[in-house]
């Protein structure tokens, strides 16, 4: 029963964490595009 906004926030954070750890040398704008978020 967790609020949807909390679920969305944590989900977005987990994707970002995955992408950053997957290739920390990738430019921020490329990671943002892959995760559909902002730089």
ModelCIF file with pLDDT and N, C-alpha, C, O atoms, coordinates in Angstrom:
data_MODEL
#
_entry.id   MODEL 
#
_entity.id                         1 
_entity.type                       polymer 
_entity.pdbx_number_of_molecules   1 
#
_entity_poly.entity_id                      1 
_entity_poly.type                           'polypeptide(L)' 
_entity_poly.nstd_linkage                   no 
_entity_poly.nstd_monomer                   no 
_entity_poly.pdbx_seq_one_letter_code       
;(UNK)(UNK)(UNK)(UNK)(UNK)(UNK)(UNK)(UNK)(UNK)(UNK)(UNK)(UNK)(UNK)(UNK)(UNK)(UNK)
(UNK)(UNK)(UNK)(UNK)(UNK)(UNK)(UNK)(UNK)(UNK)(UNK)(UNK)(UNK)(UNK)(UNK)(UNK)(UNK)
(UNK)(UNK)(UNK)(UNK)(UNK)(UNK)(UNK)
;
_entity_poly.pdbx_seq_one_letter_code_can   XXXXXXXXXXXXXXXXXXXXXXXXXXXXXXXXXXXXXXX 
_entity_poly.pdbx_strand_id                 A 
#
loop_
_entity_poly_seq.entity_id 
_entity_poly_seq.num 
_entity_poly_seq.mon_id 
_entity_poly_seq.hetero 
1 1  UNK n 
1 2  UNK n 
1 3  UNK n 
1 4  UNK n 
1 5  UNK n 
1 6  UNK n 
1 7  UNK n 
1 8  UNK n 
1 9  UNK n 
1 10 UNK n 
1 11 UNK n 
1 12 UNK n 
1 13 UNK n 
1 14 UNK n 
1 15 UNK n 
1 16 UNK n 
1 17 UNK n 
1 18 UNK n 
1 19 UNK n 
1 20 UNK n 
1 21 UNK n 
1 22 UNK n 
1 23 UNK n 
1 24 UNK n 
1 25 UNK n 
1 26 UNK n 
1 27 UNK n 
1 28 UNK n 
1 29 UNK n 
1 30 UNK n 
1 31 UNK n 
1 32 UNK n 
1 33 UNK n 
1 34 UNK n 
1 35 UNK n 
1 36 UNK n 
1 37 UNK n 
1 38 UNK n 
1 39 UNK n 
#
_struct_asym.id          A 
_struct_asym.entity_id   1 
#
loop_
_ma_qa_metric.id 
_ma_qa_metric.mode 
_ma_qa_metric.name 
_ma_qa_metric.software_group_id 
_ma_qa_metric.type 
1 global pLDDT . pLDDT 
2 local  pLDDT . pLDDT 
#
_ma_qa_metric_global.metric_id      1 
_ma_qa_metric_global.metric_value   94.85 
_ma_qa_metric_global.model_id       1 
_ma_qa_metric_global.ordinal_id     1 
#
loop_
_ma_qa_metric_local.label_asym_id 
_ma_qa_metric_local.label_comp_id 
_ma_qa_metric_local.label_seq_id 
_ma_qa_metric_local.metric_id 
_ma_qa_metric_local.metric_value 
_ma_qa_metric_local.model_id 
_ma_qa_metric_local.ordinal_id 
A UNK 1  2 95.00 1 1  
A UNK 2  2 95.00 1 2  
A UNK 3  2 96.00 1 3  
A UNK 4  2 96.00 1 4  
A UNK 5  2 96.00 1 5  
A UNK 6  2 96.00 1 6  
A UNK 7  2 96.00 1 7  
A UNK 8  2 95.00 1 8  
A UNK 9  2 94.00 1 9  
A UNK 10 2 95.00 1 10 
A UNK 11 2 95.00 1 11 
A UNK 12 2 94.00 1 12 
A UNK 13 2 95.00 1 13 
A UNK 14 2 96.00 1 14 
A UNK 15 2 96.00 1 15 
A UNK 16 2 96.00 1 16 
A UNK 17 2 96.00 1 17 
A UNK 18 2 97.00 1 18 
A UNK 19 2 96.00 1 19 
A UNK 20 2 96.00 1 20 
A UNK 21 2 95.00 1 21 
A UNK 22 2 94.00 1 22 
A UNK 23 2 94.00 1 23 
A UNK 24 2 95.00 1 24 
A UNK 25 2 94.00 1 25 
A UNK 26 2 94.00 1 26 
A UNK 27 2 95.00 1 27 
A UNK 28 2 94.00 1 28 
A UNK 29 2 94.00 1 29 
A UNK 30 2 94.00 1 30 
A UNK 31 2 95.00 1 31 
A UNK 32 2 95.00 1 32 
A UNK 33 2 95.00 1 33 
A UNK 34 2 94.00 1 34 
A UNK 35 2 93.00 1 35 
A UNK 36 2 92.00 1 36 
A UNK 37 2 93.00 1 37 
A UNK 38 2 94.00 1 38 
A UNK 39 2 94.00 1 39 
#
loop_
_atom_site.group_PDB 
_atom_site.id 
_atom_site.type_symbol 
_atom_site.label_atom_id 
_atom_site.label_alt_id 
_atom_site.label_comp_id 
_atom_site.label_asym_id 
_atom_site.label_entity_id 
_atom_site.label_seq_id 
_atom_site.pdbx_PDB_ins_code 
_atom_site.Cartn_x 
_atom_site.Cartn_y 
_atom_site.Cartn_z 
_atom_site.occupancy 
_atom_site.B_iso_or_equiv 
_atom_site.pdbx_formal_charge 
_atom_site.auth_seq_id 
_atom_site.auth_comp_id 
_atom_site.auth_asym_id 
_atom_site.auth_atom_id 
_atom_site.pdbx_PDB_model_num 
ATOM 1   N N  . UNK A 1 1  ? 0.810  -1.224 0.000   1.00 95.00 ? 1  UNK A N  1 
ATOM 2   C CA . UNK A 1 1  ? 0.000  0.000  0.000   1.00 95.00 ? 1  UNK A CA 1 
ATOM 3   C C  . UNK A 1 1  ? 0.848  1.281  0.000   1.00 95.00 ? 1  UNK A C  1 
ATOM 4   O O  . UNK A 1 1  ? 0.345  2.352  0.338   1.00 95.00 ? 1  UNK A O  1 
ATOM 5   N N  . UNK A 1 2  ? 2.095  1.180  -0.367  1.00 95.00 ? 2  UNK A N  1 
ATOM 6   C CA . UNK A 1 2  ? 2.968  2.358  -0.431  1.00 95.00 ? 2  UNK A CA 1 
ATOM 7   C C  . UNK A 1 2  ? 2.426  3.338  -1.468  1.00 95.00 ? 2  UNK A C  1 
ATOM 8   O O  . UNK A 1 2  ? 1.912  2.923  -2.508  1.00 95.00 ? 2  UNK A O  1 
ATOM 9   N N  . UNK A 1 3  ? 2.538  4.633  -1.189  1.00 96.00 ? 3  UNK A N  1 
ATOM 10  C CA . UNK A 1 3  ? 2.043  5.629  -2.146  1.00 96.00 ? 3  UNK A CA 1 
ATOM 11  C C  . UNK A 1 3  ? 2.733  5.503  -3.505  1.00 96.00 ? 3  UNK A C  1 
ATOM 12  O O  . UNK A 1 3  ? 3.915  5.168  -3.585  1.00 96.00 ? 3  UNK A O  1 
ATOM 13  N N  . UNK A 1 4  ? 1.988  5.772  -4.554  1.00 96.00 ? 4  UNK A N  1 
ATOM 14  C CA . UNK A 1 4  ? 2.499  5.644  -5.920  1.00 96.00 ? 4  UNK A CA 1 
ATOM 15  C C  . UNK A 1 4  ? 3.699  6.552  -6.159  1.00 96.00 ? 4  UNK A C  1 
ATOM 16  O O  . UNK A 1 4  ? 4.648  6.150  -6.832  1.00 96.00 ? 4  UNK A O  1 
ATOM 17  N N  . UNK A 1 5  ? 3.673  7.775  -5.615  1.00 96.00 ? 5  UNK A N  1 
ATOM 18  C CA . UNK A 1 5  ? 4.798  8.690  -5.841  1.00 96.00 ? 5  UNK A CA 1 
ATOM 19  C C  . UNK A 1 5  ? 6.081  8.171  -5.196  1.00 96.00 ? 5  UNK A C  1 
ATOM 20  O O  . UNK A 1 5  ? 7.171  8.357  -5.737  1.00 96.00 ? 5  UNK A O  1 
ATOM 21  N N  . UNK A 1 6  ? 5.952  7.524  -4.044  1.00 96.00 ? 6  UNK A N  1 
ATOM 22  C CA . UNK A 1 6  ? 7.127  6.951  -3.388  1.00 96.00 ? 6  UNK A CA 1 
ATOM 23  C C  . UNK A 1 6  ? 7.679  5.780  -4.213  1.00 96.00 ? 6  UNK A C  1 
ATOM 24  O O  . UNK A 1 6  ? 8.890  5.641  -4.382  1.00 96.00 ? 6  UNK A O  1 
ATOM 25  N N  . UNK A 1 7  ? 6.781  4.957  -4.714  1.00 96.00 ? 7  UNK A N  1 
ATOM 26  C CA . UNK A 1 7  ? 7.168  3.819  -5.556  1.00 96.00 ? 7  UNK A CA 1 
ATOM 27  C C  . UNK A 1 7  ? 7.875  4.322  -6.819  1.00 96.00 ? 7  UNK A C  1 
ATOM 28  O O  . UNK A 1 7  ? 8.891  3.761  -7.230  1.00 96.00 ? 7  UNK A O  1 
ATOM 29  N N  . UNK A 1 8  ? 7.331  5.385  -7.433  1.00 95.00 ? 8  UNK A N  1 
ATOM 30  C CA . UNK A 1 8  ? 7.914  5.952  -8.645  1.00 95.00 ? 8  UNK A CA 1 
ATOM 31  C C  . UNK A 1 8  ? 9.295  6.545  -8.368  1.00 95.00 ? 8  UNK A C  1 
ATOM 32  O O  . UNK A 1 8  ? 10.226 6.354  -9.150  1.00 95.00 ? 8  UNK A O  1 
ATOM 33  N N  . UNK A 1 9  ? 9.423  7.257  -7.262  1.00 94.00 ? 9  UNK A N  1 
ATOM 34  C CA . UNK A 1 9  ? 10.704 7.868  -6.901  1.00 94.00 ? 9  UNK A CA 1 
ATOM 35  C C  . UNK A 1 9  ? 11.787 6.818  -6.715  1.00 94.00 ? 9  UNK A C  1 
ATOM 36  O O  . UNK A 1 9  ? 12.884 6.939  -7.260  1.00 94.00 ? 9  UNK A O  1 
ATOM 37  N N  . UNK A 1 10 ? 11.470 5.792  -5.946  1.00 95.00 ? 10 UNK A N  1 
ATOM 38  C CA . UNK A 1 10 ? 12.460 4.737  -5.686  1.00 95.00 ? 10 UNK A CA 1 
ATOM 39  C C  . UNK A 1 10 ? 12.786 3.949  -6.949  1.00 95.00 ? 10 UNK A C  1 
ATOM 40  O O  . UNK A 1 10 ? 13.928 3.537  -7.152  1.00 95.00 ? 10 UNK A O  1 
ATOM 41  N N  . UNK A 1 11 ? 11.799 3.745  -7.782  1.00 95.00 ? 11 UNK A N  1 
ATOM 42  C CA . UNK A 1 11 ? 12.011 3.043  -9.037  1.00 95.00 ? 11 UNK A CA 1 
ATOM 43  C C  . UNK A 1 11 ? 12.957 3.841  -9.942  1.00 95.00 ? 11 UNK A C  1 
ATOM 44  O O  . UNK A 1 11 ? 13.878 3.277  -10.535 1.00 95.00 ? 11 UNK A O  1 
ATOM 45  N N  . UNK A 1 12 ? 12.730 5.136  -10.044 1.00 94.00 ? 12 UNK A N  1 
ATOM 46  C CA . UNK A 1 12 ? 13.598 6.002  -10.850 1.00 94.00 ? 12 UNK A CA 1 
ATOM 47  C C  . UNK A 1 12 ? 15.012 6.028  -10.293 1.00 94.00 ? 12 UNK A C  1 
ATOM 48  O O  . UNK A 1 12 ? 15.985 5.951  -11.043 1.00 94.00 ? 12 UNK A O  1 
ATOM 49  N N  . UNK A 1 13 ? 15.118 6.136  -8.986  1.00 95.00 ? 13 UNK A N  1 
ATOM 50  C CA . UNK A 1 13 ? 16.431 6.148  -8.330  1.00 95.00 ? 13 UNK A CA 1 
ATOM 51  C C  . UNK A 1 13 ? 17.183 4.849  -8.620  1.00 95.00 ? 13 UNK A C  1 
ATOM 52  O O  . UNK A 1 13 ? 18.377 4.877  -8.921  1.00 95.00 ? 13 UNK A O  1 
ATOM 53  N N  . UNK A 1 14 ? 16.495 3.720  -8.531  1.00 96.00 ? 14 UNK A N  1 
ATOM 54  C CA . UNK A 1 14 ? 17.136 2.423  -8.764  1.00 96.00 ? 14 UNK A CA 1 
ATOM 55  C C  . UNK A 1 14 ? 17.632 2.298  -10.206 1.00 96.00 ? 14 UNK A C  1 
ATOM 56  O O  . UNK A 1 14 ? 18.709 1.750  -10.441 1.00 96.00 ? 14 UNK A O  1 
ATOM 57  N N  . UNK A 1 15 ? 16.858 2.798  -11.172 1.00 96.00 ? 15 UNK A N  1 
ATOM 58  C CA . UNK A 1 15 ? 17.304 2.782  -12.571 1.00 96.00 ? 15 UNK A CA 1 
ATOM 59  C C  . UNK A 1 15 ? 18.552 3.638  -12.751 1.00 96.00 ? 15 UNK A C  1 
ATOM 60  O O  . UNK A 1 15 ? 19.516 3.228  -13.397 1.00 96.00 ? 15 UNK A O  1 
ATOM 61  N N  . UNK A 1 16 ? 18.517 4.832  -12.169 1.00 96.00 ? 16 UNK A N  1 
ATOM 62  C CA . UNK A 1 16 ? 19.678 5.719  -12.266 1.00 96.00 ? 16 UNK A CA 1 
ATOM 63  C C  . UNK A 1 16 ? 20.909 5.080  -11.639 1.00 96.00 ? 16 UNK A C  1 
ATOM 64  O O  . UNK A 1 16 ? 21.993 5.100  -12.222 1.00 96.00 ? 16 UNK A O  1 
ATOM 65  N N  . UNK A 1 17 ? 20.739 4.522  -10.469 1.00 96.00 ? 17 UNK A N  1 
ATOM 66  C CA . UNK A 1 17 ? 21.854 3.857  -9.784  1.00 96.00 ? 17 UNK A CA 1 
ATOM 67  C C  . UNK A 1 17 ? 22.415 2.737  -10.659 1.00 96.00 ? 17 UNK A C  1 
ATOM 68  O O  . UNK A 1 17 ? 23.631 2.602  -10.795 1.00 96.00 ? 17 UNK A O  1 
ATOM 69  N N  . UNK A 1 18 ? 21.536 1.943  -11.244 1.00 97.00 ? 18 UNK A N  1 
ATOM 70  C CA . UNK A 1 18 ? 21.967 0.854  -12.120 1.00 97.00 ? 18 UNK A CA 1 
ATOM 71  C C  . UNK A 1 18 ? 22.798 1.398  -13.282 1.00 97.00 ? 18 UNK A C  1 
ATOM 72  O O  . UNK A 1 18 ? 23.887 0.896  -13.559 1.00 97.00 ? 18 UNK A O  1 
ATOM 73  N N  . UNK A 1 19 ? 22.280 2.427  -13.962 1.00 96.00 ? 19 UNK A N  1 
ATOM 74  C CA . UNK A 1 19 ? 22.968 2.974  -15.133 1.00 96.00 ? 19 UNK A CA 1 
ATOM 75  C C  . UNK A 1 19 ? 24.302 3.614  -14.771 1.00 96.00 ? 19 UNK A C  1 
ATOM 76  O O  . UNK A 1 19 ? 25.281 3.455  -15.500 1.00 96.00 ? 19 UNK A O  1 
ATOM 77  N N  . UNK A 1 20 ? 24.350 4.328  -13.663 1.00 96.00 ? 20 UNK A N  1 
ATOM 78  C CA . UNK A 1 20 ? 25.599 4.971  -13.253 1.00 96.00 ? 20 UNK A CA 1 
ATOM 79  C C  . UNK A 1 20 ? 26.640 3.921  -12.894 1.00 96.00 ? 20 UNK A C  1 
ATOM 80  O O  . UNK A 1 20 ? 27.801 4.037  -13.289 1.00 96.00 ? 20 UNK A O  1 
ATOM 81  N N  . UNK A 1 21 ? 26.240 2.910  -12.158 1.00 95.00 ? 21 UNK A N  1 
ATOM 82  C CA . UNK A 1 21 ? 27.182 1.859  -11.782 1.00 95.00 ? 21 UNK A CA 1 
ATOM 83  C C  . UNK A 1 21 ? 27.580 0.995  -12.981 1.00 95.00 ? 21 UNK A C  1 
ATOM 84  O O  . UNK A 1 21 ? 28.699 0.485  -13.034 1.00 95.00 ? 21 UNK A O  1 
ATOM 85  N N  . UNK A 1 22 ? 26.672 0.832  -13.937 1.00 94.00 ? 22 UNK A N  1 
ATOM 86  C CA . UNK A 1 22 ? 26.958 0.024  -15.120 1.00 94.00 ? 22 UNK A CA 1 
ATOM 87  C C  . UNK A 1 22 ? 28.095 0.631  -15.934 1.00 94.00 ? 22 UNK A C  1 
ATOM 88  O O  . UNK A 1 22 ? 28.962 -0.084 -16.437 1.00 94.00 ? 22 UNK A O  1 
ATOM 89  N N  . UNK A 1 23 ? 28.081 1.955  -16.059 1.00 94.00 ? 23 UNK A N  1 
ATOM 90  C CA . UNK A 1 23 ? 29.152 2.618  -16.792 1.00 94.00 ? 23 UNK A CA 1 
ATOM 91  C C  . UNK A 1 23 ? 29.310 4.039  -16.267 1.00 94.00 ? 23 UNK A C  1 
ATOM 92  O O  . UNK A 1 23 ? 28.720 4.967  -16.819 1.00 94.00 ? 23 UNK A O  1 
ATOM 93  N N  . UNK A 1 24 ? 30.099 4.223  -15.208 1.00 95.00 ? 24 UNK A N  1 
ATOM 94  C CA . UNK A 1 24 ? 30.249 5.546  -14.595 1.00 95.00 ? 24 UNK A CA 1 
ATOM 95  C C  . UNK A 1 24 ? 30.910 6.574  -15.510 1.00 95.00 ? 24 UNK A C  1 
ATOM 96  O O  . UNK A 1 24 ? 30.860 7.771  -15.227 1.00 95.00 ? 24 UNK A O  1 
ATOM 97  N N  . UNK A 1 25 ? 31.527 6.126  -16.596 1.00 94.00 ? 25 UNK A N  1 
ATOM 98  C CA . UNK A 1 25 ? 32.186 7.066  -17.505 1.00 94.00 ? 25 UNK A CA 1 
ATOM 99  C C  . UNK A 1 25 ? 31.223 7.637  -18.549 1.00 94.00 ? 25 UNK A C  1 
ATOM 100 O O  . UNK A 1 25 ? 31.583 8.561  -19.278 1.00 94.00 ? 25 UNK A O  1 
ATOM 101 N N  . UNK A 1 26 ? 30.020 7.103  -18.625 1.00 94.00 ? 26 UNK A N  1 
ATOM 102 C CA . UNK A 1 26 ? 29.045 7.620  -19.596 1.00 94.00 ? 26 UNK A CA 1 
ATOM 103 C C  . UNK A 1 26 ? 28.644 9.032  -19.227 1.00 94.00 ? 26 UNK A C  1 
ATOM 104 O O  . UNK A 1 26 ? 28.470 9.338  -18.047 1.00 94.00 ? 26 UNK A O  1 
ATOM 105 N N  . UNK A 1 27 ? 28.496 9.892  -20.213 1.00 95.00 ? 27 UNK A N  1 
ATOM 106 C CA . UNK A 1 27 ? 28.052 11.264 -19.936 1.00 95.00 ? 27 UNK A CA 1 
ATOM 107 C C  . UNK A 1 27 ? 26.660 11.290 -19.308 1.00 95.00 ? 27 UNK A C  1 
ATOM 108 O O  . UNK A 1 27 ? 25.814 10.443 -19.594 1.00 95.00 ? 27 UNK A O  1 
ATOM 109 N N  . UNK A 1 28 ? 26.449 12.273 -18.457 1.00 94.00 ? 28 UNK A N  1 
ATOM 110 C CA . UNK A 1 28 ? 25.179 12.398 -17.744 1.00 94.00 ? 28 UNK A CA 1 
ATOM 111 C C  . UNK A 1 28 ? 23.987 12.487 -18.684 1.00 94.00 ? 28 UNK A C  1 
ATOM 112 O O  . UNK A 1 28 ? 22.933 11.916 -18.402 1.00 94.00 ? 28 UNK A O  1 
ATOM 113 N N  . UNK A 1 29 ? 24.139 13.199 -19.805 1.00 94.00 ? 29 UNK A N  1 
ATOM 114 C CA . UNK A 1 29 ? 23.007 13.346 -20.713 1.00 94.00 ? 29 UNK A CA 1 
ATOM 115 C C  . UNK A 1 29 ? 22.612 12.009 -21.354 1.00 94.00 ? 29 UNK A C  1 
ATOM 116 O O  . UNK A 1 29 ? 21.435 11.791 -21.642 1.00 94.00 ? 29 UNK A O  1 
ATOM 117 N N  . UNK A 1 30 ? 23.566 11.127 -21.576 1.00 94.00 ? 30 UNK A N  1 
ATOM 118 C CA . UNK A 1 30 ? 23.250 9.811  -22.135 1.00 94.00 ? 30 UNK A CA 1 
ATOM 119 C C  . UNK A 1 30 ? 22.530 8.942  -21.103 1.00 94.00 ? 30 UNK A C  1 
ATOM 120 O O  . UNK A 1 30 ? 21.587 8.226  -21.439 1.00 94.00 ? 30 UNK A O  1 
ATOM 121 N N  . UNK A 1 31 ? 22.971 9.006  -19.864 1.00 95.00 ? 31 UNK A N  1 
ATOM 122 C CA . UNK A 1 31 ? 22.309 8.255  -18.795 1.00 95.00 ? 31 UNK A CA 1 
ATOM 123 C C  . UNK A 1 31 ? 20.898 8.786  -18.599 1.00 95.00 ? 31 UNK A C  1 
ATOM 124 O O  . UNK A 1 31 ? 19.959 8.008  -18.429 1.00 95.00 ? 31 UNK A O  1 
ATOM 125 N N  . UNK A 1 32 ? 20.741 10.109 -18.621 1.00 95.00 ? 32 UNK A N  1 
ATOM 126 C CA . UNK A 1 32 ? 19.419 10.719 -18.464 1.00 95.00 ? 32 UNK A CA 1 
ATOM 127 C C  . UNK A 1 32 ? 18.474 10.236 -19.568 1.00 95.00 ? 32 UNK A C  1 
ATOM 128 O O  . UNK A 1 32 ? 17.320 9.899  -19.303 1.00 95.00 ? 32 UNK A O  1 
ATOM 129 N N  . UNK A 1 33 ? 18.965 10.206 -20.785 1.00 95.00 ? 33 UNK A N  1 
ATOM 130 C CA . UNK A 1 33 ? 18.142 9.762  -21.907 1.00 95.00 ? 33 UNK A CA 1 
ATOM 131 C C  . UNK A 1 33 ? 17.736 8.301  -21.743 1.00 95.00 ? 33 UNK A C  1 
ATOM 132 O O  . UNK A 1 33 ? 16.580 7.944  -21.972 1.00 95.00 ? 33 UNK A O  1 
ATOM 133 N N  . UNK A 1 34 ? 18.679 7.466  -21.348 1.00 94.00 ? 34 UNK A N  1 
ATOM 134 C CA . UNK A 1 34 ? 18.396 6.036  -21.165 1.00 94.00 ? 34 UNK A CA 1 
ATOM 135 C C  . UNK A 1 34 ? 17.364 5.804  -20.061 1.00 94.00 ? 34 UNK A C  1 
ATOM 136 O O  . UNK A 1 34 ? 16.560 4.875  -20.135 1.00 94.00 ? 34 UNK A O  1 
ATOM 137 N N  . UNK A 1 35 ? 17.397 6.657  -19.039 1.00 93.00 ? 35 UNK A N  1 
ATOM 138 C CA . UNK A 1 35 ? 16.482 6.501  -17.894 1.00 93.00 ? 35 UNK A CA 1 
ATOM 139 C C  . UNK A 1 35 ? 15.243 7.383  -17.998 1.00 93.00 ? 35 UNK A C  1 
ATOM 140 O O  . UNK A 1 35 ? 14.402 7.393  -17.099 1.00 93.00 ? 35 UNK A O  1 
ATOM 141 N N  . UNK A 1 36 ? 15.137 8.113  -19.085 1.00 92.00 ? 36 UNK A N  1 
ATOM 142 C CA . UNK A 1 36 ? 14.009 9.023  -19.303 1.00 92.00 ? 36 UNK A CA 1 
ATOM 143 C C  . UNK A 1 36 ? 13.848 9.999  -18.140 1.00 92.00 ? 36 UNK A C  1 
ATOM 144 O O  . UNK A 1 36 ? 12.774 10.142 -17.556 1.00 92.00 ? 36 UNK A O  1 
ATOM 145 N N  . UNK A 1 37 ? 14.951 10.656 -17.833 1.00 93.00 ? 37 UNK A N  1 
ATOM 146 C CA . UNK A 1 37 ? 14.951 11.644 -16.759 1.00 93.00 ? 37 UNK A CA 1 
ATOM 147 C C  . UNK A 1 37 ? 15.817 12.825 -17.181 1.00 93.00 ? 37 UNK A C  1 
ATOM 148 O O  . UNK A 1 37 ? 16.257 12.905 -18.328 1.00 93.00 ? 37 UNK A O  1 
ATOM 149 N N  . UNK A 1 38 ? 16.055 13.727 -16.259 1.00 94.00 ? 38 UNK A N  1 
ATOM 150 C CA . UNK A 1 38 ? 16.836 14.925 -16.573 1.00 94.00 ? 38 UNK A CA 1 
ATOM 151 C C  . UNK A 1 38 ? 18.316 14.740 -16.238 1.00 94.00 ? 38 UNK A C  1 
ATOM 152 O O  . UNK A 1 38 ? 18.689 13.897 -15.422 1.00 94.00 ? 38 UNK A O  1 
ATOM 153 N N  . UNK A 1 39 ? 19.138 15.547 -16.886 1.00 94.00 ? 39 UNK A N  1 
ATOM 154 C CA . UNK A 1 39 ? 20.569 15.538 -16.593 1.00 94.00 ? 39 UNK A CA 1 
ATOM 155 C C  . UNK A 1 39 ? 20.837 15.957 -15.145 1.00 94.00 ? 39 UNK A C  1 
ATOM 156 O O  . UNK A 1 39 ? 21.991 16.007 -14.720 1.00 94.00 ? 39 UNK A O  1 
#
